[in-house]
PDB file of N, CA and C in Angstrom:
ATOM      1  N   MET A   1     101.183 100.075  79.265  1.00  0.00           N
ATOM      2  CA  MET A   1     102.375  99.457  79.781  1.00  0.00           C
ATOM      3  C   MET A   1     103.498  99.615  78.768  1.00  0.00           C
ATOM      4  N   LYS A   2     104.671  99.909  79.269  1.00  0.00           N
ATOM      5  CA  LYS A   2     105.845 100.025  78.404  1.00  0.00           C
ATOM      6  C   LYS A   2     106.466  98.655  78.181  1.00  0.00           C
ATOM      7  N   CYS A   3     107.044  98.494  77.008  1.00  0.00           N
ATOM      8  CA  CYS A   3     107.771  97.265  76.711  1.00  0.00           C
ATOM      9  C   CYS A   3     108.987  97.198  77.636  1.00  0.00           C
ATOM     10  N   PRO A   4     109.195  96.082  78.340  1.00  0.00           N
ATOM     11  CA  PRO A   4     110.340  95.968  79.248  1.00  0.00           C
ATOM     12  C   PRO A   4     111.695  96.045  78.546  1.00  0.00           C
ATOM     13  N   ARG A   5     111.737  95.738  77.270  1.00  0.00           N
ATOM     14  CA  ARG A   5     113.011  95.730  76.558  1.00  0.00           C
ATOM     15  C   ARG A   5     113.346  97.099  75.960  1.00  0.00           C
ATOM     16  N   CYS A   6     112.420  97.692  75.201  1.00  0.00           N
ATOM     17  CA  CYS A   6     112.747  98.926  74.471  1.00  0.00           C
ATOM     18  C   CYS A   6     112.134 100.175  75.089  1.00  0.00           C
ATOM     19  N   GLU A   7     111.317 100.012  76.138  1.00  0.00           N
ATOM     20  CA  GLU A   7     110.686 101.124  76.848  1.00  0.00           C
ATOM     21  C   GLU A   7     109.690 101.910  75.993  1.00  0.00           C
ATOM     22  N   GLN A   8     109.290 101.363  74.852  1.00  0.00           N
ATOM     23  CA  GLN A   8     108.264 101.994  74.032  1.00  0.00           C
ATOM     24  C   GLN A   8     106.904 101.458  74.456  1.00  0.00           C
ATOM     25  N   ASN A   9     105.851 102.133  74.057  1.00  0.00           N
ATOM     26  CA  ASN A   9     104.505 101.698  74.398  1.00  0.00           C
ATOM     27  C   ASN A   9     103.908 100.955  73.213  1.00  0.00           C
ATOM     28  N   PRO A  10     103.837  99.612  73.275  1.00  0.00           N
ATOM     29  CA  PRO A  10     103.350  98.850  72.123  1.00  0.00           C
ATOM     30  C   PRO A  10     101.831  98.786  72.005  1.00  0.00           C
ATOM     31  N   ASP A  11     101.096  99.564  72.810  1.00  0.00           N
ATOM     32  CA  ASP A  11      99.629  99.585  72.747  1.00  0.00           C
ATOM     33  C   ASP A  11      99.015  98.197  72.856  1.00  0.00           C
ATOM     34  N   GLU A  12      99.465  97.437  73.843  1.00  0.00           N
ATOM     35  CA  GLU A  12      98.916  96.108  74.131  1.00  0.00           C
ATOM     36  C   GLU A  12      99.143  95.110  73.000  1.00  0.00           C
ATOM     37  N   GLN A  13     100.016  95.420  72.072  1.00  0.00           N
ATOM     38  CA  GLN A  13     100.309  94.493  70.980  1.00  0.00           C
ATOM     39  C   GLN A  13     101.581  93.730  71.313  1.00  0.00           C
ATOM     40  N   TRP A  14     101.445  92.424  71.407  1.00  0.00           N
ATOM     41  CA  TRP A  14     102.604  91.584  71.681  1.00  0.00           C
ATOM     42  C   TRP A  14     102.715  90.532  70.606  1.00  0.00           C
ATOM     43  N   PRO A  15     103.851  90.286  70.044  1.00  0.00           N
ATOM     44  CA  PRO A  15     105.135  90.874  70.396  1.00  0.00           C
ATOM     45  C   PRO A  15     105.183  92.365  70.077  1.00  0.00           C
ATOM     46  N   CYS A  16     106.074  93.052  70.778  1.00  0.00           N
ATOM     47  CA  CYS A  16     106.245  94.495  70.616  1.00  0.00           C
ATOM     48  C   CYS A  16     106.596  94.796  69.153  1.00  0.00           C
ATOM     49  N   PRO A  17     105.871  95.714  68.513  1.00  0.00           N
ATOM     50  CA  PRO A  17     106.171  96.034  67.116  1.00  0.00           C
ATOM     51  C   PRO A  17     107.505  96.753  66.944  1.00  0.00           C
ATOM     52  N   ASN A  18     108.059  97.315  68.019  1.00  0.00           N
ATOM     53  CA  ASN A  18     109.322  98.050  67.925  1.00  0.00           C
ATOM     54  C   ASN A  18     110.546  97.146  68.015  1.00  0.00           C
ATOM     55  N   CYS A  19     110.517  96.195  68.979  1.00  0.00           N
ATOM     56  CA  CYS A  19     111.720  95.381  69.200  1.00  0.00           C
ATOM     57  C   CYS A  19     111.470  93.877  69.084  1.00  0.00           C
ATOM     58  N   GLY A  20     110.204  93.474  68.993  1.00  0.00           N
ATOM     59  CA  GLY A  20     109.891  92.058  68.845  1.00  0.00           C
ATOM     60  C   GLY A  20     109.774  91.286  70.149  1.00  0.00           C
ATOM     61  N   PHE A  21     109.915  91.950  71.300  1.00  0.00           N
ATOM     62  CA  PHE A  21     109.814  91.258  72.590  1.00  0.00           C
ATOM     63  C   PHE A  21     108.405  90.704  72.769  1.00  0.00           C
ATOM     64  N   ASP A  22     108.305  89.436  73.167  1.00  0.00           N
ATOM     65  CA  ASP A  22     107.010  88.791  73.379  1.00  0.00           C
ATOM     66  C   ASP A  22     106.832  88.518  74.866  1.00  0.00           C
ATOM     67  N   ILE A  23     105.951  89.278  75.487  1.00  0.00           N
ATOM     68  CA  ILE A  23     105.757  89.178  76.934  1.00  0.00           C
ATOM     69  C   ILE A  23     105.221  87.806  77.339  1.00  0.00           C
ATOM     70  N   SER A  24     104.536  87.132  76.432  1.00  0.00           N
ATOM     71  CA  SER A  24     103.989  85.819  76.769  1.00  0.00           C
ATOM     72  C   SER A  24     105.086  84.772  76.962  1.00  0.00           C
ATOM     73  N   GLN A  25     106.294  85.064  76.506  1.00  0.00           N
ATOM     74  CA  GLN A  25     107.411  84.133  76.669  1.00  0.00           C
ATOM     75  C   GLN A  25     108.176  84.362  77.978  1.00  0.00           C
ATOM     76  N   SER A  26     107.842  85.423  78.696  1.00  0.00           N
ATOM     77  CA  SER A  26     108.510  85.740  79.959  1.00  0.00           C
ATOM     78  C   SER A  26     107.964  84.838  81.066  1.00  0.00           C
ATOM     79  N   PRO A  27     108.824  84.297  81.936  1.00  0.00           N
ATOM     80  CA  PRO A  27     108.318  83.497  83.062  1.00  0.00           C
ATOM     81  C   PRO A  27     107.533  84.382  84.035  1.00  0.00           C
ATOM     82  N   TRP A  28     106.605  83.791  84.750  1.00  0.00           N
ATOM     83  CA  TRP A  28     105.779  84.522  85.709  1.00  0.00           C
ATOM     84  C   TRP A  28     106.412  84.456  87.093  1.00  0.00           C
ATOM     85  N   VAL A  29     106.300  85.562  87.839  1.00  0.00           N
ATOM     86  CA  VAL A  29     106.816  85.627  89.206  1.00  0.00           C
ATOM     87  C   VAL A  29     105.722  86.161  90.128  1.00  0.00           C
ATOM     88  N   VAL A  30     105.746  85.701  91.370  1.00  0.00           N
ATOM     89  CA  VAL A  30     104.785  86.155  92.376  1.00  0.00           C
ATOM     90  C   VAL A  30     105.289  87.471  92.959  1.00  0.00           C
ATOM     91  N   ILE A  31     104.433  88.492  92.923  1.00  0.00           N
ATOM     92  CA  ILE A  31     104.822  89.798  93.470  1.00  0.00           C
ATOM     93  C   ILE A  31     104.135  90.092  94.797  1.00  0.00           C
ATOM     94  N   ALA A  32     103.090  89.319  95.128  1.00  0.00           N
ATOM     95  CA  ALA A  32     102.385  89.543  96.395  1.00  0.00           C
ATOM     96  C   ALA A  32     101.596  88.296  96.763  1.00  0.00           C
ATOM     97  N   THR A  33     101.402  88.122  98.059  1.00  0.00           N
ATOM     98  CA  THR A  33     100.522  87.080  98.578  1.00  0.00           C
ATOM     99  C   THR A  33      99.509  87.776  99.469  1.00  0.00           C
ATOM    100  N   VAL A  34      98.232  87.644  99.127  1.00  0.00           N
ATOM    101  CA  VAL A  34      97.167  88.376  99.813  1.00  0.00           C
ATOM    102  C   VAL A  34      95.994  87.434 100.085  1.00  0.00           C
ATOM    103  N   ASN A  35      95.002  87.951 100.781  1.00  0.00           N
ATOM    104  CA  ASN A  35      93.751  87.234 101.013  1.00  0.00           C
ATOM    105  C   ASN A  35      92.635  87.944 100.258  1.00  0.00           C
ATOM    106  N   PRO A  36      91.553  87.215  99.945  1.00  0.00           N
ATOM    107  CA  PRO A  36      90.403  87.872  99.330  1.00  0.00           C
ATOM    108  C   PRO A  36      89.834  88.899 100.306  1.00  0.00           C
ATOM    109  N   PRO A  37      89.277  89.977  99.869  1.00  0.00           N
ATOM    110  CA  PRO A  37      89.039  90.416  98.503  1.00  0.00           C
ATOM    111  C   PRO A  37      90.183  91.248  97.913  1.00  0.00           C
ATOM    112  N   GLU A  38      91.285  91.374  98.659  1.00  0.00           N
ATOM    113  CA  GLU A  38      92.405  92.175  98.165  1.00  0.00           C
ATOM    114  C   GLU A  38      92.954  91.625  96.848  1.00  0.00           C
ATOM    115  N   ASP A  39      92.835  90.319  96.637  1.00  0.00           N
ATOM    116  CA  ASP A  39      93.332  89.730  95.389  1.00  0.00           C
ATOM    117  C   ASP A  39      92.613  90.312  94.176  1.00  0.00           C
ATOM    118  N   ALA A  40      91.300  90.442  94.271  1.00  0.00           N
ATOM    119  CA  ALA A  40      90.522  90.991  93.155  1.00  0.00           C
ATOM    120  C   ALA A  40      90.846  92.465  92.933  1.00  0.00           C
ATOM    121  N   LEU A  41      91.079  93.188  94.018  1.00  0.00           N
ATOM    122  CA  LEU A  41      91.429  94.605  93.888  1.00  0.00           C
ATOM    123  C   LEU A  41      92.785  94.779  93.205  1.00  0.00           C
ATOM    124  N   LEU A  42      93.770  93.991  93.634  1.00  0.00           N
ATOM    125  CA  LEU A  42      95.092  94.067  93.006  1.00  0.00           C
ATOM    126  C   LEU A  42      95.031  93.647  91.543  1.00  0.00           C
ATOM    127  N   GLU A  43      94.288  92.590  91.260  1.00  0.00           N
ATOM    128  CA  GLU A  43      94.163  92.135  89.877  1.00  0.00           C
ATOM    129  C   GLU A  43      93.591  93.248  88.996  1.00  0.00           C
ATOM    130  N   SER A  44      92.544  93.889  89.465  1.00  0.00           N
ATOM    131  CA  SER A  44      91.916  94.966  88.704  1.00  0.00           C
ATOM    132  C   SER A  44      92.865  96.142  88.505  1.00  0.00           C
ATOM    133  N   LEU A  45      93.577  96.509  89.557  1.00  0.00           N
ATOM    134  CA  LEU A  45      94.511  97.631  89.472  1.00  0.00           C
ATOM    135  C   LEU A  45      95.649  97.330  88.504  1.00  0.00           C
ATOM    136  N   ILE A  46      96.223  96.145  88.593  1.00  0.00           N
ATOM    137  CA  ILE A  46      97.334  95.773  87.706  1.00  0.00           C
ATOM    138  C   ILE A  46      96.860  95.721  86.258  1.00  0.00           C
ATOM    139  N   LYS A  47      95.673  95.174  86.026  1.00  0.00           N
ATOM    140  CA  LYS A  47      95.122  95.146  84.666  1.00  0.00           C
ATOM    141  C   LYS A  47      94.902  96.561  84.137  1.00  0.00           C
ATOM    142  N   SER A  48      94.527  97.491  85.028  1.00  0.00           N
ATOM    143  CA  SER A  48      94.304  98.872  84.584  1.00  0.00           C
ATOM    144  C   SER A  48      95.593  99.524  84.092  1.00  0.00           C
ATOM    145  N   PHE A  49      96.747  99.011  84.526  1.00  0.00           N
ATOM    146  CA  PHE A  49      98.037  99.499  84.036  1.00  0.00           C
ATOM    147  C   PHE A  49      98.404  98.860  82.700  1.00  0.00           C
ATOM    148  N   GLY A  50      97.596  97.898  82.244  1.00  0.00           N
ATOM    149  CA  GLY A  50      97.886  97.193  80.999  1.00  0.00           C
ATOM    150  C   GLY A  50      98.874  96.059  81.170  1.00  0.00           C
ATOM    151  N   ILE A  51      99.037  95.591  82.398  1.00  0.00           N
ATOM    152  CA  ILE A  51      99.995  94.524  82.700  1.00  0.00           C
ATOM    153  C   ILE A  51      99.228  93.217  82.893  1.00  0.00           C
ATOM    154  N   PRO A  52      99.654  92.144  82.238  1.00  0.00           N
ATOM    155  CA  PRO A  52      98.990  90.853  82.449  1.00  0.00           C
ATOM    156  C   PRO A  52      99.177  90.388  83.896  1.00  0.00           C
ATOM    157  N   VAL A  53      98.162  89.749  84.448  1.00  0.00           N
ATOM    158  CA  VAL A  53      98.226  89.295  85.835  1.00  0.00           C
ATOM    159  C   VAL A  53      97.501  87.960  85.963  1.00  0.00           C
ATOM    160  N   LYS A  54      98.007  87.105  86.852  1.00  0.00           N
ATOM    161  CA  LYS A  54      97.368  85.829  87.173  1.00  0.00           C
ATOM    162  C   LYS A  54      97.196  85.745  88.679  1.00  0.00           C
ATOM    163  N   LEU A  55      96.071  85.192  89.102  1.00  0.00           N
ATOM    164  CA  LEU A  55      95.848  84.908  90.515  1.00  0.00           C
ATOM    165  C   LEU A  55      95.994  83.407  90.712  1.00  0.00           C
ATOM    166  N   ILE A  56      96.860  83.024  91.632  1.00  0.00           N
ATOM    167  CA  ILE A  56      97.096  81.613  91.929  1.00  0.00           C
ATOM    168  C   ILE A  56      96.464  81.344  93.289  1.00  0.00           C
ATOM    169  N   LYS A  57      95.298  80.727  93.253  1.00  0.00           N
ATOM    170  CA  LYS A  57      94.536  80.508  94.479  1.00  0.00           C
ATOM    171  C   LYS A  57      94.920  79.185  95.121  1.00  0.00           C
ATOM    172  N   SER A  58      94.861  79.169  96.445  1.00  0.00           N
ATOM    173  CA  SER A  58      95.192  77.949  97.182  1.00  0.00           C
ATOM    174  C   SER A  58      93.990  77.012  97.196  1.00  0.00           C
ATOM    175  N   LEU A  59      94.225  75.820  97.650  1.00  0.00           N
ATOM    176  CA  LEU A  59      93.173  74.811  97.713  1.00  0.00           C
ATOM    177  C   LEU A  59      92.043  75.233  98.652  1.00  0.00           C
ATOM    178  N   GLY A  60      92.348  76.076  99.606  1.00  0.00           N
ATOM    179  CA  GLY A  60      91.334  76.515 100.554  1.00  0.00           C
ATOM    180  C   GLY A  60      90.159  77.210  99.905  1.00  0.00           C
ATOM    181  N   SER A  61      90.380  77.857  98.765  1.00  0.00           N
ATOM    182  CA  SER A  61      89.288  78.557  98.090  1.00  0.00           C
ATOM    183  C   SER A  61      88.207  77.583  97.617  1.00  0.00           C
ATOM    184  N   VAL A  62      88.583  76.345  97.358  1.00  0.00           N
ATOM    185  CA  VAL A  62      87.614  75.321  96.954  1.00  0.00           C
ATOM    186  C   VAL A  62      86.636  75.043  98.098  1.00  0.00           C
ATOM    187  N   PHE A  63      87.131  75.142  99.325  1.00  0.00           N
ATOM    188  CA  PHE A  63      86.318  74.858 100.505  1.00  0.00           C
ATOM    189  C   PHE A  63      85.749  76.120 101.146  1.00  0.00           C
ATOM    190  N   GLY A  64      85.914  77.257 100.503  1.00  0.00           N
ATOM    191  CA  GLY A  64      85.370  78.501 101.024  1.00  0.00           C
ATOM    192  C   GLY A  64      86.209  79.147 102.106  1.00  0.00           C
ATOM    193  N   LEU A  65      87.457  78.724 102.263  1.00  0.00           N
ATOM    194  CA  LEU A  65      88.342  79.326 103.259  1.00  0.00           C
ATOM    195  C   LEU A  65      89.011  80.547 102.638  1.00  0.00           C
ATOM    196  N   THR A  66      88.812  81.700 103.260  1.00  0.00           N
ATOM    197  CA  THR A  66      89.354  82.928 102.678  1.00  0.00           C
ATOM    198  C   THR A  66      90.314  83.665 103.600  1.00  0.00           C
ATOM    199  N   VAL A  67      90.664  83.064 104.726  1.00  0.00           N
ATOM    200  CA  VAL A  67      91.625  83.683 105.640  1.00  0.00           C
ATOM    201  C   VAL A  67      92.692  82.665 106.007  1.00  0.00           C
ATOM    202  N   GLY A  68      93.810  83.168 106.471  1.00  0.00           N
ATOM    203  CA  GLY A  68      94.900  82.286 106.869  1.00  0.00           C
ATOM    204  C   GLY A  68      95.607  81.684 105.675  1.00  0.00           C
ATOM    205  N   PRO A  69      96.525  80.764 105.940  1.00  0.00           N
ATOM    206  CA  PRO A  69      97.331  80.179 104.865  1.00  0.00           C
ATOM    207  C   PRO A  69      96.517  79.464 103.789  1.00  0.00           C
ATOM    208  N   LEU A  70      95.389  78.873 104.168  1.00  0.00           N
ATOM    209  CA  LEU A  70      94.587  78.165 103.168  1.00  0.00           C
ATOM    210  C   LEU A  70      93.782  79.113 102.278  1.00  0.00           C
ATOM    211  N   GLY A  71      93.661  80.357 102.681  1.00  0.00           N
ATOM    212  CA  GLY A  71      92.922  81.320 101.873  1.00  0.00           C
ATOM    213  C   GLY A  71      93.807  82.235 101.055  1.00  0.00           C
ATOM    214  N   GLU A  72      95.112  82.062 101.169  1.00  0.00           N
ATOM    215  CA  GLU A  72      96.038  82.962 100.473  1.00  0.00           C
ATOM    216  C   GLU A  72      95.933  82.842  98.958  1.00  0.00           C
ATOM    217  N   VAL A  73      96.136  83.985  98.315  1.00  0.00           N
ATOM    218  CA  VAL A  73      96.151  84.054  96.856  1.00  0.00           C
ATOM    219  C   VAL A  73      97.463  84.710  96.454  1.00  0.00           C
ATOM    220  N   LYS A  74      98.175  84.078  95.537  1.00  0.00           N
ATOM    221  CA  LYS A  74      99.426  84.646  95.035  1.00  0.00           C
ATOM    222  C   LYS A  74      99.114  85.449  93.776  1.00  0.00           C
ATOM    223  N   VAL A  75      99.656  86.664  93.717  1.00  0.00           N
ATOM    224  CA  VAL A  75      99.466  87.545  92.565  1.00  0.00           C
ATOM    225  C   VAL A  75     100.746  87.483  91.740  1.00  0.00           C
ATOM    226  N   ALA A  76     100.620  87.043  90.484  1.00  0.00           N
ATOM    227  CA  ALA A  76     101.792  86.855  89.625  1.00  0.00           C
ATOM    228  C   ALA A  76     101.686  87.707  88.362  1.00  0.00           C
ATOM    229  N   VAL A  77     102.845  88.189  87.922  1.00  0.00           N
ATOM    230  CA  VAL A  77     102.962  88.951  86.674  1.00  0.00           C
ATOM    231  C   VAL A  77     104.161  88.408  85.903  1.00  0.00           C
ATOM    232  N   PRO A  78     104.258  88.701  84.607  1.00  0.00           N
ATOM    233  CA  PRO A  78     105.453  88.286  83.879  1.00  0.00           C
ATOM    234  C   PRO A  78     106.703  88.888  84.517  1.00  0.00           C
ATOM    235  N   GLU A  79     107.761  88.097  84.592  1.00  0.00           N
ATOM    236  CA  GLU A  79     109.000  88.542  85.236  1.00  0.00           C
ATOM    237  C   GLU A  79     109.496  89.861  84.656  1.00  0.00           C
ATOM    238  N   ALA A  80     109.340  90.032  83.356  1.00  0.00           N
ATOM    239  CA  ALA A  80     109.810  91.252  82.699  1.00  0.00           C
ATOM    240  C   ALA A  80     109.048  92.488  83.166  1.00  0.00           C
ATOM    241  N   CYS A  81     107.865  92.302  83.769  1.00  0.00           N
ATOM    242  CA  CYS A  81     107.034  93.422  84.228  1.00  0.00           C
ATOM    243  C   CYS A  81     107.040  93.592  85.740  1.00  0.00           C
ATOM    244  N   ALA A  82     107.700  92.711  86.464  1.00  0.00           N
ATOM    245  CA  ALA A  82     107.606  92.700  87.925  1.00  0.00           C
ATOM    246  C   ALA A  82     108.061  94.015  88.552  1.00  0.00           C
ATOM    247  N   GLU A  83     109.212  94.512  88.139  1.00  0.00           N
ATOM    248  CA  GLU A  83     109.728  95.750  88.728  1.00  0.00           C
ATOM    249  C   GLU A  83     108.807  96.930  88.420  1.00  0.00           C
ATOM    250  N   GLN A  84     108.366  97.026  87.183  1.00  0.00           N
ATOM    251  CA  GLN A  84     107.470  98.111  86.789  1.00  0.00           C
ATOM    252  C   GLN A  84     106.154  98.027  87.566  1.00  0.00           C
ATOM    253  N   THR A  85     105.642  96.824  87.750  1.00  0.00           N
ATOM    254  CA  THR A  85     104.399  96.636  88.492  1.00  0.00           C
ATOM    255  C   THR A  85     104.563  97.082  89.938  1.00  0.00           C
ATOM    256  N   GLN A  86     105.661  96.685  90.577  1.00  0.00           N
ATOM    257  CA  GLN A  86     105.918  97.086  91.966  1.00  0.00           C
ATOM    258  C   GLN A  86     105.992  98.606  92.084  1.00  0.00           C
ATOM    259  N   GLU A  87     106.659  99.254  91.132  1.00  0.00           N
ATOM    260  CA  GLU A  87     106.777 100.714  91.156  1.00  0.00           C
ATOM    261  C   GLU A  87     105.413 101.381  91.013  1.00  0.00           C
ATOM    262  N   LEU A  88     104.587 100.879  90.108  1.00  0.00           N
ATOM    263  CA  LEU A  88     103.255 101.449  89.910  1.00  0.00           C
ATOM    264  C   LEU A  88     102.380 101.252  91.141  1.00  0.00           C
ATOM    265  N   LEU A  89     102.439 100.067  91.750  1.00  0.00           N
ATOM    266  CA  LEU A  89     101.661  99.815  92.961  1.00  0.00           C
ATOM    267  C   LEU A  89     102.132 100.695  94.111  1.00  0.00           C
ATOM    268  N   GLN A  90     103.444 100.870  94.230  1.00  0.00           N
ATOM    269  CA  GLN A  90     103.992 101.737  95.277  1.00  0.00           C
ATOM    270  C   GLN A  90     103.526 103.175  95.080  1.00  0.00           C
ATOM    271  N   ALA A  91     103.532 103.645  93.841  1.00  0.00           N
ATOM    272  CA  ALA A  91     103.080 105.007  93.547  1.00  0.00           C
ATOM    273  C   ALA A  91     101.606 105.177  93.908  1.00  0.00           C
ATOM    274  N   GLU A  92     100.793 104.172  93.644  1.00  0.00           N
ATOM    275  CA  GLU A  92      99.379 104.224  94.006  1.00  0.00           C
ATOM    276  C   GLU A  92      99.208 104.320  95.518  1.00  0.00           C
ATOM    277  N   MET A  93     100.002 103.551  96.259  1.00  0.00           N
ATOM    278  CA  MET A  93      99.902 103.570  97.718  1.00  0.00           C
ATOM    279  C   MET A  93     100.357 104.909  98.281  1.00  0.00           C
ATOM    280  N   GLU A  94     101.376 105.508  97.676  1.00  0.00           N
ATOM    281  CA  GLU A  94     101.873 106.802  98.145  1.00  0.00           C
ATOM    282  C   GLU A  94     100.863 107.915  97.912  1.00  0.00           C
ATOM    283  N   GLN A  95     100.021 107.765  96.909  1.00  0.00           N
ATOM    284  CA  GLN A  95      98.989 108.760  96.635  1.00  0.00           C
ATOM    285  C   GLN A  95      97.849 108.670  97.639  1.00  0.00           C
ATOM    286  N   GLY A  96      97.883 107.632  98.452  1.00  0.00           N
ATOM    287  CA  GLY A  96      96.847 107.471  99.458  1.00  0.00           C
ATOM    288  C   GLY A  96      95.587 106.823  98.930  1.00  0.00           C
ATOM    289  N   GLU A  97      95.658 106.287  97.731  1.00  0.00           N
ATOM    290  CA  GLU A  97      94.506 105.600  97.161  1.00  0.00           C
ATOM    291  C   GLU A  97      94.344 104.260  97.869  1.00  0.00           C
ATOM    292  N   PRO A  98      93.157 103.972  98.366  1.00  0.00           N
ATOM    293  CA  PRO A  98      92.961 102.655  98.981  1.00  0.00           C
ATOM    294  C   PRO A  98      92.959 101.571  97.921  1.00  0.00           C
ATOM    295  N   LEU A  99      93.582 100.432  98.251  1.00  0.00           N
ATOM    296  CA  LEU A  99      93.588  99.311  97.306  1.00  0.00           C
ATOM    297  C   LEU A  99      92.294  98.548  97.384  1.00  0.00           C
TER     298      LEU A  99
END
């Protein structure tokens, strides 16, 4: 993953050794709302890009509900990485790779 500020590759070291940007200080934003098992697939794919990701599960998961509004899972990334993440996911979809 490239540093959102300086566009260098900090090799997973945060803060960035080039510009000092600390990704952990960036607010998190939701980039997708999905149902299981797509949440696990997206999480794995985003992590493979070296981008931190959080899954925000609804209360329905406690009761075993995995469809509909109670089964929804929000996929969140640091705000500084949101645009880059969307571009990478779009490129994966254009290649015809199943998520």
